[in-house]
Amino acid sequence: MTDAYLKPGERLDDLQLSGYMIIQDPERFCFGVDAVLLTDFVKVKTGERVLDLGTGTGVIPILLEAKTKGAHFTGLEIQEESADMARRSVLYNGISEKVDIVTGDIKEAAEIFKTASFDVITTNPPYMRGQHGLENLSDARTIARHEVLCTLEDILRESARILPESKGRFYMIHKPFRLVEILNMMCRYKIEPKRIQFVHPYVDKEPTMVLIEGMKGGKSRVTIEPPVVMY
């Protein structure tokens, strides 16, 4: 049965949750701990609809389907090879009624989806700015790590267009060195920062990741959550 879902070079990895598995290709880009941390940070209420921007192989919507009582989960992914793997993972796990994978460009997300069609937007975007020194701009790993196909502003602009005017929530994991830029950009698009949580590799080391929750049209008040220490 497994062979029917896998293409050459792919493998099935155990998500260790609800018996779910995910199809990945180690020659492309496999999800990391940041995706898992984001799904632990995200709050999805009963009956809510969730959109994951730049979903890759679909790990975030699949994990959120298992962890929350949301009504429906959609992943948007520009790379057809990754989107195809995500669709096959959804089929393998038998959750096609609750999870959709759409092939499309984040820069056109507001045209692909209707305004206020989602209560929550999540994203684990490329962390690195620019393309300087990159040799293969079409490589899956490059696209996942560098702002080759979309920028931070693209993500926040489209999220602001899609989320409802009040109470729509935005969740992101990113790098602390870009935090000021992220917060300024969120405020520019009227997504008010509400919760921030830093992730440290060890208790005596600087944070390597930051989790951020924003609310469309929210009032100005932010909570700094206790840090996460990995080891």
Protein backbone atom coordinates (compact mmCIF):
# COMPACT_ATOMS: atom_id res chain seq x y z
CA MET A 1 0.00 0.00 0.00
CA THR A 2 2.81 2.40 0.89
CA ASP A 3 4.46 2.03 -2.52
CA ALA A 4 1.33 3.35 -4.22
CA TYR A 5 1.86 6.73 -2.53
CA LEU A 6 5.62 7.09 -2.94
CA LYS A 7 7.67 8.20 -5.93
CA PRO A 8 11.35 7.29 -6.45
CA GLY A 9 13.60 8.90 -3.84
CA GLU A 10 10.76 9.63 -1.41
CA ARG A 11 10.19 8.22 2.06
CA LEU A 12 7.43 8.09 4.68
CA ASP A 13 8.30 9.76 8.00
CA ASP A 14 6.36 9.20 11.21
CA LEU A 15 4.92 12.42 12.68
CA GLN A 16 4.40 10.61 16.01
CA LEU A 17 0.92 12.06 16.34
CA SER A 18 -2.42 10.35 15.65
CA GLY A 19 -0.58 7.75 13.59
CA TYR A 20 0.02 10.31 10.83
CA MET A 21 2.87 10.00 8.34
CA ILE A 22 4.35 12.52 5.90
CA ILE A 23 5.94 11.97 2.51
CA GLN A 24 9.31 13.69 2.08
CA ASP A 25 12.23 13.67 -0.34
CA PRO A 26 15.60 14.07 1.43
CA GLU A 27 17.05 15.49 -1.79
CA ARG A 28 14.63 18.41 -1.57
CA PHE A 29 13.69 20.03 1.75
CA CYS A 30 12.45 18.18 4.84
CA PHE A 31 10.60 19.97 7.60
CA GLY A 32 12.41 20.86 10.83
CA VAL A 33 11.65 21.52 14.47
CA ASP A 34 10.50 25.06 13.62
CA ALA A 35 7.33 23.70 11.98
CA VAL A 36 6.57 21.61 15.06
CA LEU A 37 7.18 24.57 17.39
CA LEU A 38 4.84 26.73 15.32
CA THR A 39 2.00 24.21 15.52
CA ASP A 40 2.43 24.08 19.32
CA PHE A 41 2.26 27.90 19.50
CA VAL A 42 -0.74 28.37 17.22
CA LYS A 43 -4.19 28.59 18.82
CA VAL A 44 -7.00 27.26 16.64
CA LYS A 45 -10.51 27.36 18.10
CA THR A 46 -13.28 24.88 17.42
CA GLY A 47 -14.74 25.37 13.94
CA GLU A 48 -12.09 27.78 12.67
CA ARG A 49 -10.57 27.67 9.19
CA VAL A 50 -6.79 27.85 8.79
CA LEU A 51 -4.54 28.81 5.86
CA ASP A 52 -0.83 27.91 5.85
CA LEU A 53 1.23 30.07 3.48
CA GLY A 54 4.21 28.31 1.87
CA THR A 55 3.14 24.94 3.23
CA GLY A 56 5.90 22.87 1.60
CA THR A 57 5.04 19.21 2.04
CA GLY A 58 2.04 20.10 4.21
CA VAL A 59 3.41 19.36 7.67
CA ILE A 60 1.77 22.36 9.36
CA PRO A 61 -1.84 21.77 8.21
CA ILE A 62 -1.48 18.03 8.85
CA LEU A 63 -0.18 18.59 12.40
CA LEU A 64 -2.80 21.25 13.13
CA GLU A 65 -5.55 18.90 11.96
CA ALA A 66 -4.33 16.40 14.54
CA LYS A 67 -3.70 18.89 17.37
CA THR A 68 -6.75 21.19 17.14
CA LYS A 69 -10.51 21.18 16.60
CA GLY A 70 -10.37 23.48 13.58
CA ALA A 71 -12.97 22.90 10.88
CA HIS A 72 -10.69 22.98 7.84
CA PHE A 73 -7.04 23.47 6.91
CA THR A 74 -5.57 24.70 3.61
CA GLY A 75 -1.94 24.79 2.52
CA LEU A 76 -0.73 27.09 -0.26
CA GLU A 77 2.49 26.05 -2.01
CA ILE A 78 4.11 27.40 -5.19
CA GLN A 79 6.34 24.37 -5.91
CA GLU A 80 4.21 21.70 -7.58
CA GLU A 81 6.55 18.86 -6.53
CA SER A 82 6.14 19.79 -2.85
CA ALA A 83 2.40 20.38 -3.23
CA ASP A 84 2.04 16.95 -4.85
CA MET A 85 3.84 15.28 -1.93
CA ALA A 86 1.57 17.17 0.49
CA ARG A 87 -1.57 15.99 -1.34
CA ARG A 88 -0.41 12.40 -1.24
CA SER A 89 0.35 12.69 2.49
CA VAL A 90 -3.18 14.01 3.05
CA LEU A 91 -4.59 11.05 1.11
CA TYR A 92 -2.37 8.57 2.94
CA ASN A 93 -3.59 9.87 6.31
CA GLY A 94 -7.24 9.81 5.23
CA ILE A 95 -7.89 13.48 6.01
CA SER A 96 -8.88 14.78 2.56
CA GLU A 97 -12.20 16.11 3.88
CA LYS A 98 -10.40 18.44 6.29
CA VAL A 99 -7.14 19.35 4.53
CA ASP A 100 -6.69 20.88 1.07
CA ILE A 101 -3.42 21.66 -0.70
CA VAL A 102 -3.51 24.44 -3.32
CA THR A 103 -0.73 25.16 -5.80
CA GLY A 104 -0.22 28.89 -6.07
CA ASP A 105 1.91 31.97 -5.40
CA ILE A 106 1.84 33.66 -1.99
CA LYS A 107 2.04 37.02 -3.79
CA GLU A 108 -1.38 36.23 -5.31
CA ALA A 109 -2.96 34.65 -2.22
CA ALA A 110 -5.64 37.33 -1.84
CA GLU A 111 -6.72 36.67 -5.44
CA ILE A 112 -6.75 32.90 -4.95
CA PHE A 113 -8.78 33.01 -1.73
CA LYS A 114 -11.74 35.16 -0.72
CA THR A 115 -11.41 37.94 1.85
CA ALA A 116 -12.26 36.78 5.39
CA SER A 117 -12.35 33.15 4.21
CA PHE A 118 -9.93 32.09 6.98
CA ASP A 119 -9.85 32.79 10.71
CA VAL A 120 -6.16 31.95 11.11
CA ILE A 121 -3.08 32.25 8.88
CA THR A 122 0.15 30.42 9.68
CA THR A 123 3.53 30.60 7.99
CA ASN A 124 7.05 29.24 8.39
CA PRO A 125 8.63 31.46 5.73
CA PRO A 126 12.13 31.75 4.25
CA TYR A 127 14.30 33.39 6.91
CA MET A 128 17.09 34.89 4.82
CA ARG A 129 16.88 38.11 2.85
CA GLY A 130 17.91 38.52 -0.77
CA GLN A 131 19.62 36.34 -3.33
CA HIS A 132 23.25 37.48 -3.12
CA GLY A 133 25.68 34.63 -3.73
CA LEU A 134 23.00 32.06 -4.49
CA GLU A 135 23.79 29.87 -7.49
CA ASN A 136 20.59 27.89 -8.06
CA LEU A 137 17.50 30.00 -7.39
CA SER A 138 15.14 27.16 -8.37
CA ASP A 139 16.58 24.68 -5.84
CA ALA A 140 13.95 23.58 -3.30
CA ARG A 141 16.28 24.15 -0.35
CA THR A 142 17.14 27.65 -1.59
CA ILE A 143 13.46 28.55 -2.02
CA ALA A 144 12.67 27.29 1.49
CA ARG A 145 15.48 29.25 3.16
CA HIS A 146 15.84 32.47 1.13
CA GLU A 147 13.35 35.11 -0.01
CA VAL A 148 13.61 34.05 -3.65
CA LEU A 149 9.92 33.68 -4.53
CA CYS A 150 8.34 35.83 -1.83
CA THR A 151 9.32 38.37 0.82
CA LEU A 152 8.21 39.09 4.35
CA GLU A 153 6.16 41.99 3.01
CA ASP A 154 4.42 39.76 0.45
CA ILE A 155 3.32 37.44 3.27
CA LEU A 156 2.02 40.19 5.54
CA ARG A 157 0.35 42.15 2.74
CA GLU A 158 -1.58 39.11 1.51
CA SER A 159 -2.41 37.97 5.04
CA ALA A 160 -3.87 41.40 5.82
CA ARG A 161 -6.04 41.18 2.71
CA ILE A 162 -7.32 37.70 3.52
CA LEU A 163 -7.97 37.89 7.28
CA PRO A 164 -11.26 39.34 8.56
CA GLU A 165 -11.17 42.94 9.79
CA SER A 166 -11.30 41.96 13.45
CA LYS A 167 -10.16 38.90 15.39
CA GLY A 168 -8.38 37.27 12.43
CA ARG A 169 -5.08 35.86 13.73
CA PHE A 170 -1.63 35.52 12.14
CA TYR A 171 1.11 33.17 13.36
CA MET A 172 4.74 33.06 12.23
CA ILE A 173 8.07 31.56 13.26
CA HIS A 174 11.15 33.50 12.19
CA LYS A 175 14.65 34.57 13.21
CA PRO A 176 15.17 37.04 16.08
CA PHE A 177 17.59 39.19 14.07
CA ARG A 178 14.64 40.26 11.90
CA LEU A 179 12.21 40.89 14.77
CA VAL A 180 12.17 44.70 14.50
CA GLU A 181 11.53 44.47 10.76
CA ILE A 182 8.76 41.91 11.33
CA LEU A 183 6.98 43.97 13.99
CA ASN A 184 7.20 47.16 11.91
CA MET A 185 5.80 45.33 8.88
CA MET A 186 2.99 43.79 10.89
CA CYS A 187 1.95 47.20 12.20
CA ARG A 188 2.13 48.66 8.70
CA TYR A 189 -0.46 46.14 7.56
CA LYS A 190 -2.56 46.53 10.72
CA ILE A 191 -1.74 43.10 12.13
CA GLU A 192 -1.10 44.01 15.75
CA PRO A 193 1.54 41.88 17.56
CA LYS A 194 -0.14 40.15 20.52
CA ARG A 195 2.21 37.34 21.68
CA ILE A 196 5.96 36.79 21.30
CA GLN A 197 7.92 33.75 22.43
CA PHE A 198 11.65 33.19 22.00
CA VAL A 199 13.17 29.75 21.40
CA HIS A 200 16.62 29.03 22.86
CA PRO A 201 18.76 26.00 22.00
CA TYR A 202 20.09 25.94 25.61
CA VAL A 203 19.22 27.96 28.68
CA ASP A 204 22.48 29.94 28.50
CA LYS A 205 22.40 30.54 24.73
CA GLU A 206 20.81 33.35 22.72
CA PRO A 207 17.45 32.60 21.05
CA THR A 208 17.65 31.17 17.55
CA MET A 209 13.94 31.45 16.70
CA VAL A 210 10.99 33.63 17.62
CA LEU A 211 7.27 32.81 17.52
CA ILE A 212 4.85 35.65 16.89
CA GLU A 213 1.07 35.97 17.05
CA GLY A 214 -0.71 38.98 15.53
CA MET A 215 -4.34 40.03 15.34
CA LYS A 216 -5.87 41.89 12.42
CA GLY A 217 -7.17 45.20 13.73
CA GLY A 218 -6.18 44.33 17.30
CA LYS A 219 -5.46 46.83 20.06
CA SER A 220 -1.89 47.64 21.02
CA ARG A 221 -0.86 45.19 23.72
CA VAL A 222 1.77 42.48 23.46
CA THR A 223 2.58 39.60 25.84
CA ILE A 224 6.08 38.10 26.04
CA GLU A 225 5.59 34.40 26.74
CA PRO A 226 8.08 32.36 28.83
CA PRO A 227 10.89 31.16 26.56
CA VAL A 228 11.13 27.69 25.09
CA VAL A 229 14.45 25.95 25.83
CA MET A 230 15.11 23.10 23.43
CA TYR A 231 17.77 21.17 25.35
